[in-house]
Protein backbone atom coordinates (compact mmCIF):
# COMPACT_ATOMS: atom_id res chain seq x y z
CA UNK A 1 107.83 61.89 138.14
CA UNK A 2 105.55 59.73 136.01
CA UNK A 3 102.19 58.09 136.61
CA UNK A 4 104.04 54.81 137.04
CA UNK A 5 106.24 56.33 139.73
CA UNK A 6 103.20 57.47 141.70
CA UNK A 7 101.45 54.14 141.17
CA UNK A 8 104.20 51.68 142.09
CA UNK A 9 105.84 53.98 144.62
CA UNK A 10 102.64 55.24 146.23
CA UNK A 11 103.51 54.26 149.79
CA UNK A 12 107.07 55.60 149.57
CA UNK A 13 105.95 58.93 148.10
CA UNK A 14 103.13 59.29 150.62
CA UNK A 15 105.50 58.62 153.51
CA UNK A 16 107.77 61.46 152.42
CA UNK A 17 105.14 63.96 151.27
CA UNK A 18 102.47 63.35 153.91
CA UNK A 19 103.36 66.08 156.40
CA UNK A 20 104.25 68.89 154.01
CA UNK A 21 101.28 68.43 151.68
CA UNK A 22 98.92 68.10 154.63
CA UNK A 23 100.28 71.28 156.24
CA UNK A 24 99.69 73.30 153.08
CA UNK A 25 96.23 71.83 152.49
CA UNK A 26 95.25 72.57 156.08
CA UNK A 27 96.28 76.21 155.70
CA UNK A 28 94.42 76.48 152.39
CA UNK A 29 91.18 75.08 153.80
CA UNK A 30 91.14 77.83 156.41
CA UNK A 31 90.70 80.32 153.58
CA UNK A 32 87.36 78.97 152.35
CA UNK A 33 83.89 78.99 153.96
CA UNK A 34 83.16 76.06 156.30
CA UNK A 35 81.67 72.99 154.68
CA UNK A 36 78.41 71.44 155.89
CA UNK A 37 76.66 68.08 155.77
CA UNK A 38 75.26 68.82 152.32
CA UNK A 39 78.62 69.84 150.86
CA UNK A 40 80.14 67.79 148.07
CA UNK A 41 83.92 67.80 147.71
CA UNK A 42 86.15 66.54 144.91
CA UNK A 43 89.66 65.65 146.06
CA UNK A 44 91.34 65.71 142.65
CA UNK A 45 94.69 63.95 142.27
CA UNK A 46 93.87 62.76 145.78
CA UNK A 47 97.10 60.89 146.42
CA UNK A 48 96.90 59.09 149.73
CA UNK A 49 93.98 61.26 150.80
CA UNK A 50 95.41 64.15 152.80
CA UNK A 51 92.70 66.61 151.72
CA UNK A 52 90.01 64.00 152.24
CA UNK A 53 91.29 63.34 155.76
CA UNK A 54 91.35 67.04 156.62
CA UNK A 55 87.79 67.56 155.39
CA UNK A 56 86.40 64.62 157.34
CA UNK A 57 88.43 65.31 160.48
CA UNK A 58 87.21 68.92 160.47
CA UNK A 59 83.62 67.75 160.12
CA UNK A 60 84.01 65.34 163.03
CA UNK A 61 85.54 68.08 165.19
CA UNK A 62 82.44 70.22 164.50
CA UNK A 63 80.05 67.29 165.09
CA UNK A 64 78.72 67.38 161.53
CA UNK A 65 76.62 64.29 160.99
CA UNK A 66 76.85 63.24 158.28
CA UNK A 67 80.12 64.83 157.21
CA UNK A 68 80.51 66.17 153.66
CA UNK A 69 80.57 63.69 150.80
CA UNK A 70 84.07 63.41 149.34
CA UNK A 71 85.08 61.83 146.05
CA UNK A 72 88.80 61.16 145.65
CA UNK A 73 90.17 60.73 142.14
CA UNK A 74 93.71 59.90 141.07
CA UNK A 75 95.21 58.45 137.91
CA UNK A 76 97.55 56.27 139.99
CA UNK A 77 95.80 53.15 141.26
CA UNK A 78 98.31 52.79 144.09
CA UNK A 79 97.35 56.19 145.46
CA UNK A 80 93.63 55.48 145.21
CA UNK A 81 94.16 52.25 147.13
CA UNK A 82 95.85 54.16 149.96
CA UNK A 83 93.12 56.79 150.06
CA UNK A 84 90.29 54.27 150.17
CA UNK A 85 92.08 52.10 152.73
CA UNK A 86 92.32 55.10 155.05
CA UNK A 87 88.61 55.81 154.61
CA UNK A 88 87.64 52.19 155.20
CA UNK A 89 89.87 51.88 158.28
CA UNK A 90 88.18 54.90 159.84
CA UNK A 91 84.64 54.02 158.69
CA UNK A 92 84.33 57.25 156.72
CA UNK A 93 81.15 56.21 154.95
CA UNK A 94 80.80 59.42 152.93
CA UNK A 95 84.19 58.98 151.24
CA UNK A 96 84.50 57.30 147.86
CA UNK A 97 87.50 57.00 145.55
CA UNK A 98 88.37 55.69 142.12
CA UNK A 99 90.97 55.85 139.39
CA UNK A 100 90.33 58.67 136.92
CA UNK A 101 92.32 61.14 134.85
CA UNK A 102 92.03 64.74 136.10
CA UNK A 103 91.95 65.89 132.48
CA UNK A 104 88.79 63.91 131.76
CA UNK A 105 86.06 63.92 134.39
CA UNK A 106 83.56 62.13 132.15
CA UNK A 107 80.87 60.44 134.16
CA UNK A 108 80.57 63.47 136.42
CA UNK A 109 77.76 65.88 135.56
CA UNK A 110 78.13 69.65 135.44
CA UNK A 111 77.76 71.73 138.62
CA UNK A 112 78.24 68.90 141.12
CA UNK A 113 80.75 70.08 143.72
CA UNK A 114 80.93 72.87 146.28
CA UNK A 115 84.70 72.45 146.53
CA UNK A 116 87.29 70.99 144.19
CA UNK A 117 90.72 70.73 145.80
CA UNK A 118 93.76 69.75 143.73
CA UNK A 119 96.68 69.55 146.11
CA UNK A 120 100.03 69.52 144.26
CA UNK A 121 98.63 67.73 141.23
CA UNK A 122 98.17 70.35 138.52
CA UNK A 123 101.85 70.50 137.55
CA UNK A 124 101.90 66.76 136.85
CA UNK A 125 98.96 66.87 134.42
CA UNK A 126 100.05 66.84 130.75
CA UNK A 127 97.43 69.43 129.76
CA UNK A 128 96.70 71.81 132.62
CA UNK A 129 94.06 73.77 130.71
CA UNK A 130 92.02 70.62 130.03
CA UNK A 131 92.14 69.90 133.74
CA UNK A 132 91.05 73.36 134.91
CA UNK A 133 88.25 73.41 132.33
CA UNK A 134 86.96 70.16 133.75
CA UNK A 135 87.24 71.52 137.28
CA UNK A 136 85.25 74.60 136.25
CA UNK A 137 82.61 72.41 134.61
CA UNK A 138 81.94 70.14 137.60
CA UNK A 139 82.05 72.98 140.14
CA UNK A 140 78.73 74.46 141.29
CA UNK A 141 77.98 78.11 140.68
CA UNK A 142 79.51 79.95 143.63
CA UNK A 143 81.70 76.95 144.42
CA UNK A 144 85.45 77.18 144.96
CA UNK A 145 88.43 75.44 143.47
CA UNK A 146 91.74 75.27 145.30
CA UNK A 147 94.97 74.54 143.44
CA UNK A 148 98.36 74.28 145.16
CA UNK A 149 101.76 74.24 143.47
CA UNK A 150 105.30 74.69 144.73
CA UNK A 151 107.03 78.06 144.64
CA UNK A 152 110.12 76.49 146.18
CA UNK A 153 110.31 72.73 146.60
CA UNK A 154 113.46 72.08 148.58
CA UNK A 155 113.24 68.29 148.69
CA UNK A 156 112.72 67.75 144.94
CA UNK A 157 115.48 70.28 144.31
CA UNK A 158 117.83 68.27 146.50
CA UNK A 159 116.95 65.06 144.66
CA UNK A 160 117.29 66.75 141.26
CA UNK A 161 120.67 68.25 142.14
CA UNK A 162 121.97 64.94 143.46
CA UNK A 163 120.62 63.14 140.39
CA UNK A 164 122.53 65.53 138.14
CA UNK A 165 125.65 65.13 140.26
CA UNK A 166 125.73 61.36 139.72
CA UNK A 167 125.02 61.72 136.00
CA UNK A 168 121.64 59.99 136.10
CA UNK A 169 118.73 60.95 133.79
CA UNK A 170 116.89 64.16 134.66
CA UNK A 171 114.65 64.01 137.71
CA UNK A 172 111.34 65.70 136.89
CA UNK A 173 110.74 68.30 139.56
CA UNK A 174 107.28 69.75 140.31
CA UNK A 175 108.77 73.20 139.67
CA UNK A 176 109.93 72.40 136.13
CA UNK A 177 108.39 74.16 133.11
CA UNK A 178 107.61 77.36 135.00
CA UNK A 179 105.41 75.74 137.63
CA UNK A 180 107.29 77.56 140.38
CA UNK A 181 105.77 80.86 139.19
CA UNK A 182 102.50 82.51 140.13
CA UNK A 183 102.05 83.46 136.48
CA UNK A 184 101.95 79.84 135.31
CA UNK A 185 99.44 78.87 137.98
CA UNK A 186 97.11 81.82 137.40
CA UNK A 187 97.20 81.57 133.61
CA UNK A 188 96.31 77.87 133.76
CA UNK A 189 93.40 78.52 136.12
CA UNK A 190 92.14 81.42 133.97
CA UNK A 191 92.33 79.21 130.89
CA UNK A 192 89.85 76.91 132.58
CA UNK A 193 87.21 79.64 132.68
CA UNK A 194 87.77 81.33 136.04
CA UNK A 195 87.68 85.13 135.96
CA UNK A 196 90.66 87.16 137.13
CA UNK A 197 88.61 88.97 139.79
CA UNK A 198 87.61 85.62 141.30
CA UNK A 199 91.16 84.30 141.67
CA UNK A 200 93.25 84.85 144.80
CA UNK A 201 96.79 83.56 145.30
CA UNK A 202 98.64 83.43 148.61
CA UNK A 203 101.91 81.93 149.81
CA UNK A 204 102.13 79.26 152.51
CA UNK A 205 105.35 77.93 154.02
CA UNK A 206 106.22 74.66 155.69
CA UNK A 207 109.29 72.44 156.02
CA UNK A 208 110.20 68.80 155.59
CA UNK A 209 111.89 67.91 158.84
CA UNK A 210 114.26 65.19 159.96
CA UNK A 211 116.50 65.09 163.03
CA UNK A 212 119.67 65.93 161.11
CA UNK A 213 121.53 65.47 157.83
CA UNK A 214 121.75 61.71 158.38
CA UNK A 215 117.97 61.58 158.65
CA UNK A 216 117.54 63.44 155.37
CA UNK A 217 119.96 61.20 153.53
CA UNK A 218 118.46 58.03 154.96
CA UNK A 219 114.91 59.05 154.03
CA UNK A 220 115.93 59.69 150.42
CA UNK A 221 118.00 56.52 150.01
CA UNK A 222 115.23 54.08 149.14
CA UNK A 223 115.06 52.60 145.61
CA UNK A 224 112.15 54.95 144.86
CA UNK A 225 114.41 58.01 145.11
CA UNK A 226 117.81 56.51 144.23
CA UNK A 227 118.32 56.57 140.43
CA UNK A 228 121.42 54.39 140.82
CA UNK A 229 119.63 51.62 142.68
CA UNK A 230 120.79 48.18 141.61
CA UNK A 231 120.81 46.45 144.97
CA UNK A 232 124.50 47.05 145.59
CA UNK A 233 126.02 48.84 148.60
CA UNK A 234 128.20 50.80 146.18
CA UNK A 235 125.20 52.35 144.44
CA UNK A 236 123.63 53.31 147.75
CA UNK A 237 126.88 54.80 149.04
CA UNK A 238 127.42 56.87 145.88
CA UNK A 239 123.88 58.24 146.02
CA UNK A 240 124.09 59.09 149.71
CA UNK A 241 127.38 60.91 149.15
CA UNK A 242 125.79 62.97 146.37
CA UNK A 243 122.80 63.85 148.57
CA UNK A 244 125.01 64.91 151.45
CA UNK A 245 127.14 67.12 149.20
CA UNK A 246 124.06 69.01 148.00
CA UNK A 247 122.85 69.89 151.50
CA UNK A 248 123.37 73.47 152.63
CA UNK A 249 125.12 74.07 155.97
CA UNK A 250 121.80 75.07 157.52
CA UNK A 251 120.06 71.93 156.25
CA UNK A 252 122.89 69.80 157.61
CA UNK A 253 122.56 71.46 161.00
CA UNK A 254 118.77 71.54 161.38
CA UNK A 255 117.59 68.62 159.27
CA UNK A 256 114.89 70.90 157.85
CA UNK A 257 114.27 71.68 154.18
CA UNK A 258 112.00 74.58 153.22
CA UNK A 259 108.89 73.91 151.14
CA UNK A 260 107.02 77.03 149.98
CA UNK A 261 103.69 76.81 148.16
CA UNK A 262 101.40 78.88 146.01
CA UNK A 263 97.77 78.50 147.09
CA UNK A 264 95.22 79.55 144.48
CA UNK A 265 91.53 79.84 145.41
CA UNK A 266 89.20 80.42 142.45
CA UNK A 267 85.45 80.96 142.68
CA UNK A 268 83.03 80.03 139.92
CA UNK A 269 80.95 83.13 139.24
CA UNK A 270 77.24 83.00 139.97
């Protein structure tokens, strides 16, 4: 998926990815020390603001006043708009967001953040090493960076398989180019400057859930996901048939598709 896809299809992507990305981020946040009112957080490749929401909601639940300061950055303006709209609607006055490339954090001084969280963004960055170097630079000494990637991404796999079945151009999956491996994730984080002894990787599992096979097919039938979309019923029908044929018997029965993530927590040495 391209920057343009995330920009123009921000709402559609967020609707589909909201629950699974939030579930993984929530699990990952439990593995780091609690934040406080003085904490500064960078939500990098913030998307619609799932990490930002979790950080602020946790602070509110612990009566932290003020909550941590959170800066959300994303290269897709559509995503930034969603993130900031959520903050404004909830009067989260310590949340700020803007459009910026994760590979170039110019304008941000060294050693600024206690936590940098990049939730399912690293695999979409053209140069992962440039990104992790920038993360290392803006992280405070003793601060932590969290990177999540997919070990098994059942929904993108379904879309990619259906795309191939209808003969459409390749659907870029977040597990392409070795990004489904622990090795790729760790090597990219190490290339940014993090030491091996300060890197921990765990596995977290969730599922994308609909009521049944019909629910899965319907959710993936919008123009954003359908490579055949031309406004005709025939194109929609052909795409839905391809999706249904790729579903496993268990997916057809339960309406659930497994999503399994790598969660990497890296500490910047003091």
